[in-house]
Protein backbone atom coordinates (compact mmCIF):
# COMPACT_ATOMS: atom_id res chain seq x y z
CA UNK A 1 -13.78 12.33 8.76
CA UNK A 2 -9.92 12.78 8.40
CA UNK A 3 -8.90 11.07 11.42
CA UNK A 4 -8.36 7.56 11.04
CA UNK A 5 -9.04 7.03 14.96
CA UNK A 6 -12.51 8.65 14.16
CA UNK A 7 -13.27 6.35 11.43
CA UNK A 8 -12.22 2.94 13.15
CA UNK A 9 -14.11 3.89 15.89
CA UNK A 10 -17.35 5.21 14.17
CA UNK A 11 -17.23 2.22 11.62
CA UNK A 12 -16.63 -0.36 14.37
CA UNK A 13 -19.39 1.21 16.81
CA UNK A 14 -21.85 1.25 14.14
CA UNK A 15 -21.39 -2.44 13.08
CA UNK A 16 -21.49 -3.40 16.56
CA UNK A 17 -24.56 -1.21 17.16
CA UNK A 18 -26.23 -2.95 14.27
CA UNK A 19 -25.52 -6.05 15.56
CA UNK A 20 -26.75 -5.49 18.97
CA UNK A 21 -30.14 -4.14 17.64
CA UNK A 22 -30.54 -6.87 15.34
CA UNK A 23 -30.21 -9.10 17.86
CA UNK A 24 -32.78 -7.31 20.22
CA UNK A 25 -35.22 -6.95 17.25
CA UNK A 26 -34.98 -10.38 16.37
CA UNK A 27 -35.53 -11.47 19.96
CA UNK A 28 -38.58 -9.39 20.34
CA UNK A 29 -40.05 -10.15 16.91
CA UNK A 30 -38.93 -13.84 16.45
CA UNK A 31 -38.83 -14.73 20.01
CA UNK A 32 -41.15 -18.32 20.75
CA UNK A 33 -44.32 -18.37 22.77
CA UNK A 34 -44.94 -20.57 25.59
CA UNK A 35 -42.17 -21.60 27.97
CA UNK A 36 -38.75 -22.86 27.47
CA UNK A 37 -38.36 -26.86 27.49
CA UNK A 38 -35.56 -26.47 29.89
CA UNK A 39 -37.95 -24.84 32.34
CA UNK A 40 -40.38 -27.62 32.40
CA UNK A 41 -37.60 -30.62 33.08
CA UNK A 42 -37.44 -29.85 36.61
CA UNK A 43 -41.29 -29.23 37.29
CA UNK A 44 -41.66 -32.55 35.47
CA UNK A 45 -39.39 -34.64 37.85
CA UNK A 46 -40.87 -32.82 40.73
CA UNK A 47 -44.51 -33.52 39.55
CA UNK A 48 -43.42 -36.99 39.12
CA UNK A 49 -41.87 -37.62 42.73
CA UNK A 50 -45.03 -35.92 44.13
CA UNK A 51 -47.59 -38.13 42.61
CA UNK A 52 -45.50 -41.23 43.44
CA UNK A 53 -45.71 -40.30 47.10
CA UNK A 54 -49.61 -38.92 46.94
CA UNK A 55 -50.27 -42.56 45.86
CA UNK A 56 -49.09 -43.98 49.00
CA UNK A 57 -50.45 -41.04 51.30
CA UNK A 58 -53.95 -40.89 49.38
CA UNK A 59 -55.28 -44.09 50.81
CA UNK A 60 -54.59 -43.35 54.43
CA UNK A 61 -55.10 -39.49 54.57
CA UNK A 62 -57.52 -39.22 51.94
CA UNK A 63 -58.16 -36.05 49.23
CA UNK A 64 -57.33 -33.42 52.19
CA UNK A 65 -53.52 -34.49 52.33
CA UNK A 66 -53.56 -34.08 48.14
CA UNK A 67 -55.13 -30.89 48.44
CA UNK A 68 -52.53 -29.46 51.17
CA UNK A 69 -49.49 -30.81 49.46
CA UNK A 70 -50.65 -29.20 46.19
CA UNK A 71 -50.89 -25.63 47.77
CA UNK A 72 -47.92 -26.31 49.33
CA UNK A 73 -46.39 -26.67 45.81
CA UNK A 74 -48.26 -23.73 44.32
CA UNK A 75 -46.37 -21.35 46.82
CA UNK A 76 -42.97 -23.00 46.64
CA UNK A 77 -42.42 -24.05 43.11
CA UNK A 78 -43.98 -20.72 40.95
CA UNK A 79 -47.17 -23.09 39.51
CA UNK A 80 -50.75 -23.17 39.50
CA UNK A 81 -52.22 -26.51 40.38
CA UNK A 82 -55.22 -28.09 39.31
CA UNK A 83 -56.98 -31.44 40.82
CA UNK A 84 -59.32 -32.78 38.19
CA UNK A 85 -61.66 -36.15 38.68
CA UNK A 86 -62.53 -38.92 35.70
CA UNK A 87 -65.01 -36.20 34.41
CA UNK A 88 -62.14 -33.37 33.78
CA UNK A 89 -63.81 -31.06 36.76
CA UNK A 90 -62.05 -29.29 39.01
CA UNK A 91 -62.53 -30.70 42.62
CA UNK A 92 -61.76 -27.43 44.38
CA UNK A 93 -64.03 -25.59 42.57
CA UNK A 94 -61.28 -23.68 40.16
CA UNK A 95 -62.02 -22.75 36.43
CA UNK A 96 -59.85 -24.81 34.57
CA UNK A 97 -58.53 -23.59 31.36
CA UNK A 98 -59.14 -25.37 28.14
CA UNK A 99 -55.48 -25.96 27.56
CA UNK A 100 -55.19 -27.57 31.03
CA UNK A 101 -58.48 -29.67 30.50
CA UNK A 102 -57.26 -31.12 27.20
CA UNK A 103 -54.01 -31.97 28.78
CA UNK A 104 -55.58 -33.67 31.56
CA UNK A 105 -57.72 -35.87 29.44
CA UNK A 106 -54.61 -36.53 27.73
CA UNK A 107 -52.82 -37.65 30.97
CA UNK A 108 -55.91 -39.95 32.15
CA UNK A 109 -54.94 -42.50 29.31
CA UNK A 110 -51.39 -42.48 29.69
CA UNK A 111 -48.97 -43.60 32.60
CA UNK A 112 -46.46 -40.89 31.97
CA UNK A 113 -46.28 -37.37 32.68
CA UNK A 114 -47.72 -35.30 29.92
CA UNK A 115 -46.71 -31.84 29.02
CA UNK A 116 -47.32 -28.79 26.67
CA UNK A 117 -44.70 -26.38 26.25
CA UNK A 118 -46.71 -24.02 24.28
CA UNK A 119 -48.76 -23.02 27.35
CA UNK A 120 -46.39 -24.29 30.22
CA UNK A 121 -48.48 -27.20 31.38
CA UNK A 122 -47.73 -30.73 32.75
CA UNK A 123 -49.95 -33.08 33.95
CA UNK A 124 -49.90 -36.82 35.42
CA UNK A 125 -52.67 -39.05 36.20
CA UNK A 126 -52.88 -40.32 40.07
CA UNK A 127 -55.22 -43.22 41.27
CA UNK A 128 -57.17 -42.80 44.63
CA UNK A 129 -57.74 -45.56 47.12
CA UNK A 130 -60.98 -46.84 45.50
CA UNK A 131 -59.28 -47.36 42.09
CA UNK A 132 -60.97 -44.15 41.06
CA UNK A 133 -58.69 -41.80 38.58
CA UNK A 134 -57.60 -38.45 39.45
CA UNK A 135 -55.13 -35.97 37.36
CA UNK A 136 -53.01 -33.37 38.99
CA UNK A 137 -52.06 -30.71 36.60
CA UNK A 138 -49.52 -27.67 36.77
CA UNK A 139 -49.04 -24.70 34.82
CA UNK A 140 -45.84 -22.87 35.39
CA UNK A 141 -46.49 -19.08 36.18
CA UNK A 142 -42.71 -18.24 36.45
CA UNK A 143 -39.24 -20.13 36.07
CA UNK A 144 -38.18 -22.82 38.35
CA UNK A 145 -36.64 -21.90 41.68
CA UNK A 146 -37.58 -18.19 41.21
CA UNK A 147 -38.18 -17.97 44.76
CA UNK A 148 -34.44 -18.53 45.24
CA UNK A 149 -33.21 -16.38 42.28
CA UNK A 150 -36.27 -13.92 41.72
CA UNK A 151 -35.85 -12.26 38.02
CA UNK A 152 -35.00 -8.66 37.83
CA UNK A 153 -37.22 -7.24 35.66
CA UNK A 154 -35.21 -4.52 33.55
CA UNK A 155 -36.61 -2.34 30.80
CA UNK A 156 -35.40 -3.34 27.39
CA UNK A 157 -34.31 0.37 26.65
CA UNK A 158 -31.77 0.46 29.62
CA UNK A 159 -30.16 -2.96 28.35
CA UNK A 160 -29.91 -1.15 25.13
CA UNK A 161 -28.22 1.69 26.31
CA UNK A 162 -25.93 -0.48 28.51
CA UNK A 163 -24.93 -2.45 25.22
CA UNK A 164 -24.19 0.79 23.30
CA UNK A 165 -21.91 2.26 26.22
CA UNK A 166 -20.44 -1.21 26.39
CA UNK A 167 -19.57 -1.07 22.58
CA UNK A 168 -18.30 2.18 22.66
CA UNK A 169 -15.73 1.51 25.47
CA UNK A 170 -14.34 -1.57 23.46
CA UNK A 171 -14.54 0.17 19.99
CA UNK A 172 -12.82 3.23 21.44
CA UNK A 173 -10.05 0.94 22.94
CA UNK A 174 -9.53 -1.01 19.60
CA UNK A 175 -9.41 2.40 17.79
CA UNK A 176 -6.73 3.58 20.11
CA UNK A 177 -4.76 0.53 19.84
CA UNK A 178 -4.79 0.45 15.87
CA UNK A 179 -3.79 4.04 15.75
CA UNK A 180 -1.42 4.78 18.44
CA UNK A 181 1.39 3.19 16.85
CA UNK A 182 0.34 4.95 13.41
CA UNK A 183 0.44 8.56 15.47
CA UNK A 184 3.84 7.47 16.70
CA UNK A 185 5.29 6.49 13.33
CA UNK A 186 3.86 10.27 11.82
CA UNK A 187 5.42 11.90 14.79
CA UNK A 188 8.70 10.08 13.92
CA UNK A 189 8.55 11.04 10.19
CA UNK A 190 7.63 14.46 10.59
CA UNK A 191 10.56 15.13 12.74
CA UNK A 192 12.79 13.24 10.11
CA UNK A 193 11.21 15.44 7.56
CA UNK A 194 12.52 18.79 9.21
CA UNK A 195 15.82 17.44 9.65
CA UNK A 196 16.32 15.39 12.99
CA UNK A 197 18.24 12.68 11.71
CA UNK A 198 18.53 11.00 15.48
CA UNK A 199 14.73 10.21 15.18
CA UNK A 200 13.78 6.77 15.90
CA UNK A 201 10.54 5.02 17.05
CA UNK A 202 10.79 3.40 20.27
CA UNK A 203 10.61 -0.09 21.56
CA UNK A 204 6.92 -0.08 22.24
CA UNK A 205 6.60 -0.23 18.49
CA UNK A 206 9.48 -2.33 17.35
CA UNK A 207 9.04 -5.09 19.64
CA UNK A 208 5.71 -5.85 18.07
CA UNK A 209 5.49 -9.14 16.31
CA UNK A 210 2.81 -7.88 13.55
CA UNK A 211 3.13 -5.66 10.59
CA UNK A 212 3.15 -2.35 12.38
CA UNK A 213 6.16 -3.44 14.47
CA UNK A 214 7.69 -4.54 10.98
CA UNK A 215 7.22 -1.05 9.82
CA UNK A 216 8.69 0.59 12.67
CA UNK A 217 11.96 -1.49 12.48
CA UNK A 218 12.10 -0.70 8.76
CA UNK A 219 11.53 3.12 9.60
CA UNK A 220 14.43 2.70 12.19
CA UNK A 221 16.67 1.36 9.46
CA UNK A 222 15.76 4.14 6.72
CA UNK A 223 16.45 6.62 9.73
CA UNK A 224 19.69 5.31 10.37
CA UNK A 225 20.47 4.98 6.53
CA UNK A 226 19.77 8.43 5.87
CA UNK A 227 21.49 9.51 8.84
CA UNK A 228 24.79 7.96 7.59
CA UNK A 229 24.41 9.19 4.36
CA UNK A 230 23.84 12.92 4.93
CA UNK A 231 26.56 12.75 7.31
CA UNK A 232 28.98 11.43 4.94
CA UNK A 233 27.76 14.03 2.54
CA UNK A 234 28.47 17.07 5.07
CA UNK A 235 31.86 15.67 6.17
CA UNK A 236 32.98 15.12 2.20
CA UNK A 237 31.59 18.92 1.51
CA UNK A 238 33.74 20.24 4.69
CA UNK A 239 37.05 18.09 4.00
CA UNK A 240 36.83 18.98 0.45
CA UNK A 241 36.27 22.72 1.28
CA UNK A 242 39.16 22.69 3.77
CA UNK A 243 41.54 21.12 1.21
CA UNK A 244 40.67 23.78 -1.32
CA UNK A 245 41.52 26.49 0.85
CA UNK A 246 45.38 25.44 1.02
CA UNK A 247 46.03 25.50 -3.04
CA UNK A 248 43.86 28.81 -3.02
CA UNK A 249 46.01 30.46 -0.76
CA UNK A 250 49.11 29.24 -2.63
CA UNK A 251 47.56 30.35 -5.96
CA UNK A 252 47.16 33.71 -4.37
CA UNK A 253 50.85 34.08 -3.32
CA UNK A 254 51.81 32.62 -6.83
CA UNK A 255 49.55 35.41 -8.67
CA UNK A 256 51.18 38.28 -6.35
CA UNK A 257 54.56 36.88 -7.29
CA UNK A 258 53.51 36.72 -11.32
CA UNK A 259 52.19 40.35 -11.31
CA UNK A 260 55.77 41.52 -10.06
CA UNK A 261 57.23 39.48 -12.93
CA UNK A 262 55.36 39.60 -15.47
CA UNK A 263 54.65 42.54 -17.99
CA UNK A 264 51.49 44.53 -18.76
CA UNK A 265 50.54 42.40 -21.61
CA UNK A 266 49.68 39.47 -19.10
CA UNK A 267 48.00 41.99 -16.61
CA UNK A 268 44.12 41.33 -18.18
CA UNK A 269 44.70 37.72 -17.60
CA UNK A 270 46.03 38.01 -13.89
CA UNK A 271 43.26 40.09 -13.16
CA UNK A 272 40.56 37.49 -14.78
CA UNK A 273 42.64 34.73 -12.49
CA UNK A 274 42.64 36.73 -9.35
CA UNK A 275 38.66 37.38 -10.07
CA UNK A 276 37.96 33.77 -10.59
CA UNK A 277 40.11 32.73 -7.52
CA UNK A 278 38.11 34.86 -5.48
CA UNK A 279 34.89 33.46 -6.75
CA UNK A 280 36.10 30.24 -5.65
CA UNK A 281 37.30 31.57 -2.30
CA UNK A 282 34.11 32.75 -1.84
CA UNK A 283 31.99 29.64 -2.90
CA UNK A 284 34.16 27.78 -0.38
CA UNK A 285 33.49 30.19 2.28
CA UNK A 286 29.92 29.62 1.80
CA UNK A 287 30.32 25.69 1.70
CA UNK A 288 31.91 25.75 4.75
CA UNK A 289 29.22 28.11 6.56
CA UNK A 290 26.48 26.18 5.48
CA UNK A 291 28.14 22.89 6.35
CA UNK A 292 28.72 24.31 10.21
CA UNK A 293 25.01 25.37 9.92
CA UNK A 294 23.64 22.23 8.67
CA UNK A 295 25.76 20.40 11.67
CA UNK A 296 24.69 23.40 14.16
CA UNK A 297 28.25 23.64 15.05
CA UNK A 298 28.13 27.67 14.88
CA UNK A 299 30.06 28.81 17.70
CA UNK A 300 29.30 32.46 17.29
CA UNK A 301 28.46 34.14 20.29
CA UNK A 302 24.68 34.90 20.98
CA UNK A 303 23.46 38.55 22.05
CA UNK A 304 20.85 40.84 22.12
CA UNK A 305 20.34 42.35 18.86
CA UNK A 306 18.40 45.51 17.98
CA UNK A 307 16.87 44.05 15.20
CA UNK A 308 15.30 47.36 13.91
CA UNK A 309 18.86 49.02 13.74
CA UNK A 310 20.24 45.61 11.94
CA UNK A 311 17.82 45.97 9.39
CA UNK A 312 18.87 49.65 8.60
CA UNK A 313 22.33 49.14 8.75
CA UNK A 314 21.93 46.22 6.07
CA UNK A 315 19.71 48.61 4.00
CA UNK A 316 22.11 51.23 3.92
CA UNK A 317 25.31 49.19 2.89
CA UNK A 318 22.75 47.65 0.23
CA UNK A 319 21.63 50.50 -1.22
CA UNK A 320 24.92 51.92 -1.68
CA UNK A 321 26.09 48.52 -3.39
CA UNK A 322 22.40 48.66 -5.71
CA UNK A 323 22.90 52.53 -6.63
CA UNK A 324 26.14 51.23 -8.66
CA UNK A 325 23.59 48.98 -10.77
CA UNK A 326 21.24 51.95 -11.15
CA UNK A 327 18.77 50.36 -8.49
CA UNK A 328 17.57 51.37 -5.08
CA UNK A 329 16.88 49.66 -1.98
CA UNK A 330 14.48 51.37 0.15
CA UNK A 331 13.23 50.57 3.97
CA UNK A 332 10.21 51.02 5.87
CA UNK A 333 11.18 49.84 9.58
CA UNK A 334 8.32 50.17 12.38
CA UNK A 335 8.88 50.04 16.08
CA UNK A 336 12.04 48.84 18.03
CA UNK A 337 12.63 45.14 18.35
CA UNK A 338 14.81 42.86 20.24
CA UNK A 339 16.11 39.35 20.13
CA UNK A 340 18.97 37.29 21.38
CA UNK A 341 21.08 35.76 18.72
CA UNK A 342 24.27 36.00 16.34
CA UNK A 343 24.59 39.12 14.83
CA UNK A 344 26.98 37.94 11.99
CA UNK A 345 24.60 35.22 11.27
CA UNK A 346 21.52 37.22 11.08
CA UNK A 347 22.92 40.03 9.03
CA UNK A 348 24.37 37.47 6.67
CA UNK A 349 20.78 35.76 6.18
CA UNK A 350 19.22 39.22 5.61
CA UNK A 351 21.91 40.43 3.17
CA UNK A 352 21.83 37.43 1.33
CA UNK A 353 18.20 37.90 0.64
CA UNK A 354 18.54 41.57 -0.21
CA UNK A 355 21.55 41.20 -2.55
CA UNK A 356 19.60 38.56 -4.24
CA UNK A 357 16.80 41.13 -4.46
CA UNK A 358 19.30 43.63 -6.14
CA UNK A 359 20.33 41.43 -8.35
CA UNK A 360 17.17 40.33 -10.13
CA UNK A 361 15.13 43.44 -9.65
CA UNK A 362 14.76 45.40 -13.15
CA UNK A 363 16.86 48.61 -13.42
CA UNK A 364 15.44 51.95 -12.49
CA UNK A 365 13.39 49.76 -10.07
CA UNK A 366 13.73 49.60 -6.03
CA UNK A 367 13.98 46.94 -3.64
CA UNK A 368 11.28 47.33 -1.02
CA UNK A 369 12.40 46.13 2.72
CA UNK A 370 10.02 46.46 5.55
CA UNK A 371 9.92 45.55 8.89
CA UNK A 372 6.81 45.13 11.25
CA UNK A 373 5.51 43.33 14.46
CA UNK A 374 2.79 40.29 14.10
CA UNK A 375 0.98 39.01 17.45
CA UNK A 376 0.41 35.24 17.03
CA UNK A 377 -1.31 34.39 20.29
CA UNK A 378 1.06 34.86 22.98
CA UNK A 379 4.19 34.80 20.48
CA UNK A 380 5.45 38.58 19.26
CA UNK A 381 7.15 37.96 15.72
CA UNK A 382 9.22 40.16 13.47
CA UNK A 383 8.41 40.03 10.04
CA UNK A 384 10.94 41.30 7.55
CA UNK A 385 9.28 41.68 4.12
CA UNK A 386 11.47 42.04 0.81
CA UNK A 387 10.29 42.41 -2.33
CA UNK A 388 12.06 42.74 -5.69
CA UNK A 389 10.53 44.12 -9.31
CA UNK A 390 12.21 41.24 -11.57
CA UNK A 391 10.81 38.68 -13.77
CA UNK A 392 9.59 36.60 -10.54
CA UNK A 393 9.85 33.07 -10.03
CA UNK A 394 7.75 29.76 -11.15
CA UNK A 395 5.39 28.63 -8.99
CA UNK A 396 6.73 25.13 -9.18
CA UNK A 397 10.20 26.13 -8.17
CA UNK A 398 9.23 28.54 -4.89
CA UNK A 399 9.84 25.56 -2.42
CA UNK A 400 13.19 24.71 -3.93
CA UNK A 401 14.87 28.27 -3.59
CA UNK A 402 16.18 27.86 -0.51
CA UNK A 403 18.03 24.35 -1.14
CA UNK A 404 21.53 24.51 -1.56
CA UNK A 405 23.06 24.85 -5.20
CA UNK A 406 19.62 25.13 -6.40
CA UNK A 407 18.53 28.04 -9.03
CA UNK A 408 15.96 28.62 -11.30
CA UNK A 409 18.18 29.50 -14.32
CA UNK A 410 20.65 26.67 -15.26
CA UNK A 411 23.74 29.16 -15.66
CA UNK A 412 26.08 29.15 -12.68
CA UNK A 413 28.20 32.21 -13.60
CA UNK A 414 28.20 35.41 -11.34
CA UNK A 415 26.27 37.52 -13.38
CA UNK A 416 23.20 35.43 -13.44
CA UNK A 417 23.40 34.79 -9.62
CA UNK A 418 26.37 32.79 -8.37
CA UNK A 419 26.33 29.23 -7.17
CA UNK A 420 22.78 29.13 -5.19
CA UNK A 421 24.08 28.95 -1.78
CA UNK A 422 23.23 32.51 -0.57
CA UNK A 423 19.48 31.53 0.12
CA UNK A 424 20.34 27.98 1.67
CA UNK A 425 22.74 29.68 4.18
CA UNK A 426 19.51 32.22 4.97
CA UNK A 427 17.13 29.58 5.57
CA UNK A 428 19.41 27.56 8.06
CA UNK A 429 20.49 30.63 9.94
CA UNK A 430 16.99 31.74 10.24
CA UNK A 431 16.11 28.17 11.46
CA UNK A 432 18.49 28.11 14.15
CA UNK A 433 17.63 31.21 15.52
CA UNK A 434 13.52 29.84 15.73
CA UNK A 435 12.10 31.52 12.63
CA UNK A 436 11.00 30.60 9.03
CA UNK A 437 11.50 31.76 5.76
CA UNK A 438 9.40 31.44 2.58
CA UNK A 439 9.09 33.15 -0.59
CA UNK A 440 5.94 33.95 -3.08
CA UNK A 441 5.54 35.58 -5.96
CA UNK A 442 4.02 38.95 -6.10
CA UNK A 443 0.57 39.84 -7.86
CA UNK A 444 1.73 42.79 -9.83
CA UNK A 445 5.05 40.68 -10.80
CA UNK A 446 8.54 39.99 -8.99
CA UNK A 447 9.44 37.97 -5.87
CA UNK A 448 8.64 38.45 -2.08
CA UNK A 449 10.55 37.05 0.55
CA UNK A 450 9.27 36.90 4.04
CA UNK A 451 11.64 36.31 7.09
CA UNK A 452 9.77 35.60 10.53
CA UNK A 453 11.79 35.61 13.56
CA UNK A 454 10.77 35.36 17.40
CA UNK A 455 11.36 38.70 19.12
CA UNK A 456 11.17 39.73 22.81
CA UNK A 457 10.10 42.94 22.85
């Protein structure tokens, strides 16, 4: 069981059920025999009171009045009555149990009520009009006042089932109470992990006064701190990029003037300055693009895009570029597909992947680009599959390929792949179109990049 809710529910339910079953078994196995002592107490007082009244009525009304009262007591108090003489013989001819007889003999020698809780028998001596001795003995057959509140006989199995049901309800509530705040924290953490910097947990969790409430408040502080740090980083990147554009523009003007004034002996140096300035200008452009995408501020108009035609156009341009490097780009485009988005962003995203493949594929090999449709439930997706025949990427580096400025090689020159912003732009542009991108190593060598985008038709 991987769910904490199920673990808590099952463990608490088993523990409570075992305790309940232990109580039931103990009651059945070790319950005391006989009648509880508190059942005898009202009967003792009733018998003592009756015997005092009978002592007064006996001389006037005789034995018949005593028998009549005994029968009334037998009907109303849930007892079986016996009237015994000095020889312990039942005067009404009833068969007297041995425990009743033994207790009656003890009562004849005492002025107090005699009792035997193990058999539920009580007895008291009564003196007749001629000083003869009698004993009235009662044996409980049901609890006192049973006629007013009769017991309901419920099978033990129904009691057990009802107890288990109540236990299940309580355990379910307890498990839900313990895990629901953790589910909220997990949801907020997942949203923060995918870049939602405005996420926070609500007051129902942070207002708690226990450890979970403390954790929720610490999470909100952490999210606020991350939001401030990343916002500051993005603003710094944007501001620096903008500030660098002005000196670069002036550098380009100065470079043009220098070409006019300088002789041929410095032409090679000026060409190098121009290339480096162009590289720096391209890097700044990428920085501004990724900053804008990270802040979701791209204002490019959204239109219907023929994705199959866009991929064909990109492949034609990329193949022209690749032939100058003794490489090829080949396409396999399937059916027509349409989506709504920014043509400029999507073109940049796909071009970055294909150009990266051209850069690393071996000379004389071909970069393969395929476009196909996949159905995932009710959603239709376009799969753009780009495969090169280069050295590939270590498994531990695959997950970081789309991070800004990350490159497998430590080199940063143009010949080994630039500054590592192209794939980061690809990832963000694809995400803004509701898609995903990932890389994996091909079994025969090389790298495969897969871009998935939702399409309408």
